[in-house]
Amino acid sequence: MSTSDRLTLLAARVAEAATHAPALARRLHEAGLYPDDLAQPGVLDRLPILTKDDLMRQQQDNPPFAGFLACPVAEVAHVFVSPGPIMEPVLADDAGGMGMDRMFAAAGIGPDDVALNTWSYHLVPAGLLFDRGLRATGATVVPSGPGQTDLQVTLIDTLKATAFVGSSVYFETVADAYAHAHGATAGRWSLRHAFLVGEPGETWPHRRASLESAHGIRVHTGYGTADLGLVGYDISGSGGYRVNPDRLVQICDPVTGAALKPGEVGQVVVSTLARGWPMIRFGTGDLAAALETDEDGFVTLMGSVSGRVGSGVKVREIFVYPHHLAQLSLELSDKTEARARITREGGRDVITLELTGPRLPEDDITAAFRRLARLGVDRLVWTEHFTISAPLQDDRQR
């Protein structure tokens, strides 16, 4: 589909959506735009970027969807709830897992494959979206979810699983357990593919090659968000993510919102062509650079994520926000203040909570944080003076 065809489709989708979604109609009106205007090259840039923080605040003020849902609720199959919280509806007619099927199909997954899906199926979208994407290729899915590592090892052998879907950290945990039980992985297990999504940073290519060599598999990655589904997926030899053709992707200046040239690092800004949940000029908060663009400047090949803008920090594929720490402080006591430092140790994200005030039962603190952010705390440190300057500090080296 050419860019002009995609812009025409975008204008048609927005015209339909604006009749149901008052928040979208208001965004257009405030920018002095009509839906049909978006069919013209360059006009989309006149629409201010909608950030994840904006969406979260608007949903808090106008629950549950802040006026962005563009179809009857009867057409919604699932509502995911990401930390924030942010409500993310998925329509019943979405057969491909918001584009995840493209990633699996590009890797050659099909009816002869059995995939162990170790992502959570609880509230967050990863488990079910990957499930739908795999099923769209004809693959058989084992919805194993995270944990129960010994059982995962048994399932690989019993079901002759050919694909693993999950985090790189958990893949290594399962691989180590398999090697402990069988002496090795490569040449002994049935796995041929591992889909390890969400590994940012310059060290990833080396780590990826190491995993492939050690375990006799092909590692595949993709880039997506809960709000947008699949944005891009890797193609062997491309050196980046091939952009999902159902997404109009721009790399924009984080301050001005202006589109940047290839090679310049900026915020990944995406407009979807799907109906029902129109995320138009949506700022992901992720920083990356375009490697290739089409004639109208939309990205066709993008580099890996190199950082973040905005208040949210992604930890183990879950966003943590400063207000989670503020809420934690309020719930613990009126004399307690909490801050969090995120580091990476042994390839794993580590959360350290620093707290001032009266000492409270650690189990109460960790339980409260898990309820607010849906993540476990690795360390608790009581201190008279904070060693970090911000409520939420990301010290991971990219």
Protein backbone atom coordinates (compact mmCIF):
# COMPACT_ATOMS: atom_id res chain seq x y z
CA MET A 1 0.00 0.00 0.00
CA SER A 2 1.44 3.38 -1.02
CA THR A 3 1.75 6.27 1.39
CA SER A 4 -1.07 8.14 -0.38
CA ASP A 5 -3.32 5.10 -0.02
CA ARG A 6 -2.46 4.83 3.67
CA LEU A 7 -3.18 8.51 4.24
CA THR A 8 -6.52 8.11 2.47
CA LEU A 9 -7.29 5.15 4.74
CA LEU A 10 -6.16 7.14 7.78
CA ALA A 11 -8.53 10.00 6.87
CA ALA A 12 -11.41 7.53 6.41
CA ARG A 13 -10.69 5.82 9.73
CA VAL A 14 -10.49 9.15 11.56
CA ALA A 15 -13.71 10.40 9.93
CA GLU A 16 -15.52 7.28 11.15
CA ALA A 17 -13.89 7.37 14.57
CA ALA A 18 -14.58 11.07 15.22
CA THR A 19 -18.34 10.43 15.12
CA HIS A 20 -17.99 8.06 18.10
CA ALA A 21 -14.91 9.41 19.94
CA PRO A 22 -15.44 12.96 21.25
CA ALA A 23 -11.85 13.23 22.50
CA LEU A 24 -10.51 12.59 19.01
CA ALA A 25 -12.99 15.05 17.49
CA ARG A 26 -11.86 17.65 20.02
CA ARG A 27 -8.18 17.10 19.17
CA LEU A 28 -8.93 17.71 15.50
CA HIS A 29 -11.05 20.79 16.21
CA GLU A 30 -8.40 22.34 18.44
CA ALA A 31 -5.82 21.85 15.68
CA GLY A 32 -8.15 23.40 13.08
CA LEU A 33 -8.40 20.15 11.14
CA TYR A 34 -11.13 18.05 9.53
CA PRO A 35 -10.67 14.28 9.10
CA ASP A 36 -10.44 14.60 5.30
CA ASP A 37 -7.46 16.95 5.72
CA LEU A 38 -5.34 14.05 6.93
CA ALA A 39 -5.34 12.51 3.44
CA GLN A 40 -2.93 15.28 2.36
CA PRO A 41 0.82 14.76 2.92
CA GLY A 42 2.21 16.79 5.81
CA VAL A 43 -1.12 17.67 7.40
CA LEU A 44 -0.84 14.99 10.09
CA ASP A 45 2.15 16.92 11.52
CA ARG A 46 -0.19 19.77 12.50
CA LEU A 47 -1.88 17.54 15.10
CA PRO A 48 -0.19 17.87 18.51
CA ILE A 49 1.28 14.65 19.89
CA LEU A 50 -0.82 12.71 22.42
CA THR A 51 1.54 11.31 25.06
CA LYS A 52 1.06 8.26 27.25
CA ASP A 53 0.99 10.59 30.26
CA ASP A 54 -1.75 12.65 28.56
CA LEU A 55 -3.83 9.56 27.90
CA MET A 56 -3.44 8.35 31.47
CA ARG A 57 -4.53 11.71 32.92
CA GLN A 58 -7.50 11.97 30.56
CA GLN A 59 -8.65 8.47 31.47
CA GLN A 60 -8.45 9.37 35.15
CA ASP A 61 -10.57 12.47 34.50
CA ASN A 62 -13.01 10.73 32.15
CA PRO A 63 -13.04 6.97 32.77
CA PRO A 64 -12.78 4.47 31.36
CA PHE A 65 -11.53 5.41 27.87
CA ALA A 66 -11.39 9.24 28.02
CA GLY A 67 -13.65 9.57 24.99
CA PHE A 68 -11.28 7.82 22.58
CA LEU A 69 -13.23 4.59 22.10
CA ALA A 70 -14.57 4.76 18.54
CA CYS A 71 -16.97 1.84 18.49
CA PRO A 72 -19.77 0.42 20.65
CA VAL A 73 -18.57 -1.38 23.77
CA ALA A 74 -20.31 -4.51 22.41
CA GLU A 75 -17.52 -4.74 19.80
CA VAL A 76 -14.76 -4.81 22.44
CA ALA A 77 -13.48 -8.30 23.21
CA HIS A 78 -10.93 -7.48 25.91
CA VAL A 79 -9.94 -4.51 28.04
CA PHE A 80 -6.37 -4.67 29.20
CA VAL A 81 -5.27 -2.66 32.24
CA SER A 82 -1.65 -1.56 32.16
CA PRO A 83 -0.03 0.09 35.17
CA GLY A 84 -0.87 3.75 35.42
CA PRO A 85 -3.58 2.59 35.11
CA ILE A 86 -4.30 2.85 31.39
CA MET A 87 -7.29 1.04 29.88
CA GLU A 88 -6.59 -0.51 26.45
CA PRO A 89 -9.54 -1.99 24.54
CA VAL A 90 -9.09 -4.60 21.80
CA LEU A 91 -11.88 -5.31 19.34
CA ALA A 92 -13.40 -8.74 18.81
CA ASP A 93 -12.58 -8.68 15.10
CA ASP A 94 -8.85 -8.32 15.77
CA ALA A 95 -7.72 -11.75 14.63
CA GLY A 96 -4.00 -11.04 14.40
CA GLY A 97 -3.19 -9.78 17.89
CA MET A 98 -2.87 -6.11 16.87
CA GLY A 99 -0.38 -7.02 14.17
CA MET A 100 1.64 -9.62 16.12
CA ASP A 101 0.87 -12.19 13.41
CA ARG A 102 3.19 -10.28 11.04
CA MET A 103 6.17 -10.86 13.31
CA PHE A 104 5.51 -14.59 13.58
CA ALA A 105 4.76 -15.02 9.88
CA ALA A 106 7.96 -13.16 8.93
CA ALA A 107 9.91 -15.67 11.02
CA GLY A 108 8.30 -18.61 9.23
CA ILE A 109 6.03 -19.75 12.06
CA GLY A 110 3.10 -21.84 10.82
CA PRO A 111 0.79 -24.81 11.42
CA ASP A 112 3.66 -27.21 12.17
CA ASP A 113 4.86 -25.14 15.13
CA VAL A 114 4.06 -25.52 18.82
CA ALA A 115 4.75 -22.30 20.74
CA LEU A 116 5.31 -21.98 24.48
CA ASN A 117 3.87 -18.56 25.37
CA THR A 118 5.35 -17.56 28.71
CA TRP A 119 3.94 -14.02 28.82
CA SER A 120 1.27 -13.25 31.41
CA TYR A 121 -2.38 -13.55 30.39
CA HIS A 122 -3.47 -11.49 33.41
CA LEU A 123 -4.62 -7.87 32.78
CA VAL A 124 -1.65 -6.83 30.60
CA PRO A 125 -1.92 -7.53 26.86
CA ALA A 126 1.24 -9.49 26.06
CA GLY A 127 -0.06 -13.02 26.63
CA LEU A 128 -3.31 -12.74 24.69
CA LEU A 129 -1.92 -10.60 21.85
CA PHE A 130 0.93 -12.99 21.21
CA ASP A 131 -1.54 -15.86 21.49
CA ARG A 132 -3.76 -14.32 18.79
CA GLY A 133 -0.79 -13.60 16.57
CA LEU A 134 0.47 -17.17 16.83
CA ARG A 135 -2.96 -18.66 16.20
CA ALA A 136 -3.36 -16.47 13.10
CA THR A 137 -0.36 -18.27 11.56
CA GLY A 138 -1.89 -21.67 12.37
CA ALA A 139 0.55 -22.46 15.18
CA THR A 140 -0.48 -24.37 18.28
CA VAL A 141 -0.13 -22.30 21.47
CA VAL A 142 0.68 -23.54 24.96
CA PRO A 143 -0.49 -20.71 27.28
CA SER A 144 2.06 -21.52 29.97
CA GLY A 145 2.53 -18.02 31.36
CA PRO A 146 5.55 -17.11 33.51
CA GLY A 147 6.88 -19.30 36.29
CA GLN A 148 6.81 -23.05 37.05
CA THR A 149 10.13 -23.45 35.26
CA ASP A 150 10.39 -27.21 35.80
CA LEU A 151 7.00 -27.62 34.16
CA GLN A 152 8.11 -25.46 31.23
CA VAL A 153 11.04 -27.84 30.69
CA THR A 154 8.67 -30.81 30.76
CA LEU A 155 6.30 -29.14 28.30
CA ILE A 156 9.12 -28.52 25.82
CA ASP A 157 9.92 -32.22 25.80
CA THR A 158 6.39 -33.59 26.02
CA LEU A 159 4.85 -31.33 23.37
CA LYS A 160 7.99 -30.98 21.21
CA ALA A 161 7.67 -27.19 21.36
CA THR A 162 9.43 -25.42 18.51
CA ALA A 163 9.07 -21.80 19.64
CA PHE A 164 9.52 -19.93 22.92
CA VAL A 165 7.78 -16.57 23.45
CA GLY A 166 8.80 -14.47 26.43
CA SER A 167 11.48 -12.26 27.97
CA SER A 168 15.17 -12.94 27.40
CA VAL A 169 15.73 -13.25 31.14
CA TYR A 170 13.08 -15.93 31.53
CA PHE A 171 14.25 -17.72 28.38
CA GLU A 172 17.70 -18.05 29.95
CA THR A 173 16.12 -19.34 33.15
CA VAL A 174 14.27 -22.05 31.24
CA ALA A 175 17.33 -22.85 29.12
CA ASP A 176 19.51 -23.23 32.22
CA ALA A 177 16.92 -25.53 33.80
CA TYR A 178 16.71 -27.61 30.62
CA ALA A 179 20.51 -27.89 30.40
CA HIS A 180 20.66 -28.91 34.05
CA ALA A 181 18.12 -31.68 33.42
CA HIS A 182 19.45 -32.87 30.04
CA GLY A 183 23.09 -31.82 29.93
CA ALA A 184 22.62 -29.32 27.08
CA THR A 185 20.03 -27.45 25.03
CA ALA A 186 21.42 -27.21 21.49
CA GLY A 187 20.94 -30.47 19.66
CA ARG A 188 18.80 -31.94 22.43
CA TRP A 189 15.70 -29.80 22.69
CA SER A 190 13.06 -29.22 20.04
CA LEU A 191 13.11 -25.41 20.23
CA ARG A 192 14.11 -23.68 16.99
CA HIS A 193 12.82 -20.13 17.58
CA ALA A 194 12.77 -17.70 20.52
CA PHE A 195 10.73 -14.50 20.32
CA LEU A 196 12.27 -12.23 22.92
CA VAL A 197 10.53 -8.87 22.75
CA GLY A 198 11.57 -5.67 24.43
CA GLU A 199 15.35 -5.80 24.74
CA PRO A 200 16.68 -2.22 24.39
CA GLY A 201 20.26 -1.09 24.29
CA GLU A 202 23.50 -1.42 22.39
CA THR A 203 24.46 -4.69 24.10
CA TRP A 204 21.50 -6.59 22.66
CA PRO A 205 23.05 -7.67 19.30
CA HIS A 206 25.93 -9.37 21.12
CA ARG A 207 23.62 -10.99 23.65
CA ARG A 208 21.30 -12.15 20.89
CA ALA A 209 24.16 -13.78 18.96
CA SER A 210 25.33 -15.45 22.16
CA LEU A 211 21.88 -16.93 22.83
CA GLU A 212 21.62 -18.26 19.28
CA SER A 213 25.05 -19.87 19.44
CA ALA A 214 24.60 -21.35 22.91
CA HIS A 215 21.14 -22.84 22.34
CA GLY A 216 20.95 -23.63 18.62
CA ILE A 217 17.98 -21.35 17.96
CA ARG A 218 17.05 -18.27 15.97
CA VAL A 219 16.20 -15.25 18.11
CA HIS A 220 13.55 -12.85 16.82
CA THR A 221 12.58 -9.49 18.28
CA GLY A 222 9.89 -6.91 17.73
CA TYR A 223 8.86 -3.51 18.98
CA GLY A 224 5.37 -2.66 20.14
CA THR A 225 3.31 -1.17 22.92
CA ALA A 226 0.09 -2.06 24.71
CA ASP A 227 -1.64 0.93 23.11
CA LEU A 228 -0.53 0.23 19.54
CA GLY A 229 0.24 -3.47 19.23
CA LEU A 230 3.09 -4.37 16.89
CA VAL A 231 4.94 -1.33 15.54
CA GLY A 232 7.89 -3.13 13.96
CA TYR A 233 9.57 -6.51 13.69
CA ASP A 234 13.07 -7.57 12.79
CA ILE A 235 14.04 -9.03 9.43
CA SER A 236 17.32 -10.92 9.23
CA GLY A 237 20.05 -8.61 7.95
CA SER A 238 17.98 -5.40 8.14
CA GLY A 239 19.75 -4.04 11.21
CA GLY A 240 16.51 -2.70 12.64
CA TYR A 241 12.74 -3.09 12.87
CA ARG A 242 10.68 -3.25 9.67
CA VAL A 243 7.66 -1.07 10.38
CA ASN A 244 4.24 -2.69 10.39
CA PRO A 245 2.51 -1.24 7.29
CA ASP A 246 -0.64 -0.68 9.37
CA ARG A 247 1.25 1.91 11.43
CA LEU A 248 2.33 5.38 10.29
CA VAL A 249 5.55 5.97 12.22
CA GLN A 250 7.45 9.22 12.66
CA ILE A 251 10.55 10.07 14.66
CA CYS A 252 9.87 13.47 16.23
CA ASP A 253 11.67 16.10 18.25
CA PRO A 254 10.58 15.42 21.88
CA VAL A 255 10.07 19.15 22.51
CA THR A 256 8.64 20.59 19.28
CA GLY A 257 7.01 17.47 17.83
CA ALA A 258 8.59 18.15 14.43
CA ALA A 259 9.55 15.13 12.34
CA LEU A 260 13.30 14.45 12.27
CA LYS A 261 15.56 13.23 9.48
CA PRO A 262 16.87 9.62 9.31
CA GLY A 263 19.68 9.07 11.78
CA GLU A 264 18.45 11.68 14.25
CA VAL A 265 17.23 10.30 17.59
CA GLY A 266 13.76 11.36 18.66
CA GLN A 267 10.48 10.13 20.09
CA VAL A 268 8.68 7.33 18.27
CA VAL A 269 5.28 8.75 17.27
CA VAL A 270 2.69 6.39 15.77
CA SER A 271 -0.70 6.69 14.06
CA THR A 272 -2.71 3.49 13.69
CA LEU A 273 -4.87 2.50 10.76
CA ALA A 274 -7.04 0.18 12.83
CA ARG A 275 -10.63 1.00 13.73
CA GLY A 276 -12.09 1.23 17.21
CA TRP A 277 -9.14 2.59 19.18
CA PRO A 278 -7.66 5.43 17.10
CA MET A 279 -4.27 6.30 18.51
CA ILE A 280 -3.34 9.17 16.16
CA ARG A 281 0.02 10.92 16.58
CA PHE A 282 0.55 8.93 19.75
CA GLY A 283 3.88 9.52 21.48
CA THR A 284 5.24 6.25 22.82
CA GLY A 285 7.87 7.92 25.01
CA ASP A 286 10.53 5.70 23.42
CA LEU A 287 13.58 7.21 21.72
CA ALA A 288 14.92 5.77 18.47
CA ALA A 289 16.17 6.84 15.04
CA ALA A 290 14.76 6.21 11.58
CA LEU A 291 17.02 4.11 9.37
CA GLU A 292 14.86 4.38 6.26
CA THR A 293 11.83 6.49 5.34
CA ASP A 294 9.38 6.58 2.44
CA GLU A 295 8.86 9.53 0.10
CA ASP A 296 6.62 11.35 2.60
CA GLY A 297 8.91 10.91 5.57
CA PHE A 298 7.13 8.03 7.33
CA VAL A 299 9.53 5.48 8.77
CA THR A 300 9.87 2.13 7.03
CA LEU A 301 12.87 0.87 9.03
CA MET A 302 13.68 2.05 12.56
CA GLY A 303 16.55 1.40 14.93
CA SER A 304 16.32 -0.08 18.39
CA VAL A 305 15.02 1.88 21.37
CA SER A 306 17.82 3.87 22.98
CA GLY A 307 16.05 5.67 25.82
CA ARG A 308 12.88 7.27 27.14
CA VAL A 309 11.14 10.61 27.44
CA GLY A 310 8.20 11.32 29.72
CA SER A 311 7.69 10.26 33.31
CA GLY A 312 7.20 6.52 32.81
CA VAL A 313 10.04 4.00 33.07
CA LYS A 314 9.62 0.54 31.53
CA VAL A 315 10.76 -2.18 33.92
CA ARG A 316 10.46 -5.85 32.91
CA GLU A 317 7.99 -4.76 30.21
CA ILE A 318 5.79 -2.91 32.76
CA PHE A 319 5.68 0.89 33.09
CA VAL A 320 6.33 2.44 36.50
CA TYR A 321 5.39 6.08 37.08
CA PRO A 322 6.46 8.63 39.72
CA HIS A 323 2.88 8.79 41.00
CA HIS A 324 3.18 5.10 41.97
CA LEU A 325 5.87 6.18 44.46
CA ALA A 326 3.79 9.13 45.67
CA GLN A 327 0.79 6.86 46.21
CA LEU A 328 2.96 4.30 48.01
CA SER A 329 4.20 7.00 50.39
CA LEU A 330 0.64 8.12 51.14
CA GLU A 331 -0.52 4.58 51.84
CA LEU A 332 2.38 3.71 54.15
CA SER A 333 2.23 6.71 56.53
CA ASP A 334 2.16 10.49 56.51
CA LYS A 335 5.85 10.48 57.54
CA THR A 336 7.10 8.07 54.88
CA GLU A 337 8.58 9.00 51.53
CA ALA A 338 9.58 6.44 48.88
CA ARG A 339 11.86 6.63 45.87
CA ALA A 340 12.89 3.94 43.41
CA ARG A 341 16.12 3.27 41.56
CA ILE A 342 16.12 0.97 38.51
CA THR A 343 19.36 -0.83 37.64
CA ARG A 344 20.27 -3.79 35.46
CA GLU A 345 22.18 -6.68 37.00
CA GLY A 346 23.01 -9.89 35.18
CA GLY A 347 20.70 -8.93 32.34
CA ARG A 348 17.76 -8.41 34.72
CA ASP A 349 16.00 -5.20 35.76
CA VAL A 350 16.35 -4.63 39.51
CA ILE A 351 14.10 -2.36 41.60
CA THR A 352 15.53 -0.81 44.76
CA LEU A 353 13.18 1.14 47.01
CA GLU A 354 14.68 3.83 49.22
CA LEU A 355 12.46 4.89 52.12
CA THR A 356 12.62 7.53 54.84
CA GLY A 357 10.46 7.67 57.95
CA PRO A 358 9.39 5.08 60.53
CA ARG A 359 10.31 1.49 59.76
CA LEU A 360 7.31 -0.52 58.64
CA PRO A 361 6.89 -4.26 57.94
CA GLU A 362 8.71 -5.03 54.70
CA ASP A 363 5.99 -7.42 53.55
CA ASP A 364 3.44 -4.60 53.75
CA ILE A 365 5.66 -2.33 51.66
CA THR A 366 6.42 -4.87 48.95
CA ALA A 367 2.77 -5.94 48.78
CA ALA A 368 1.62 -2.33 48.40
CA PHE A 369 4.15 -1.64 45.64
CA ARG A 370 3.17 -4.79 43.77
CA ARG A 371 -0.50 -3.80 43.96
CA LEU A 372 0.24 -0.30 42.62
CA ALA A 373 2.82 -1.13 39.95
CA ARG A 374 2.37 -4.89 39.49
CA LEU A 375 6.07 -5.51 39.96
CA GLY A 376 8.08 -7.08 42.74
CA VAL A 377 10.68 -5.12 44.72
CA ASP A 378 14.20 -6.56 44.83
CA ARG A 379 15.68 -4.44 47.64
CA LEU A 380 14.41 -2.18 50.42
CA VAL A 381 16.79 0.43 51.84
CA TRP A 382 15.91 2.60 54.85
CA THR A 383 17.80 5.87 54.86
CA GLU A 384 17.83 9.28 56.55
CA HIS A 385 18.85 11.00 53.31
CA PHE A 386 18.04 9.83 49.79
CA THR A 387 20.96 8.91 47.54
CA ILE A 388 18.89 9.56 44.39
CA SER A 389 17.52 12.91 43.34
CA ALA A 390 14.29 11.89 41.61
CA PRO A 391 11.28 9.87 42.82
CA LEU A 392 11.95 7.39 40.00
CA GLN A 393 15.50 7.10 38.69
CA ASP A 394 16.63 4.87 35.80
CA ASP A 395 20.31 3.97 36.17
CA ARG A 396 20.41 1.20 33.59
CA GLN A 397 23.18 1.54 31.04
CA ARG A 398 21.89 1.28 27.48
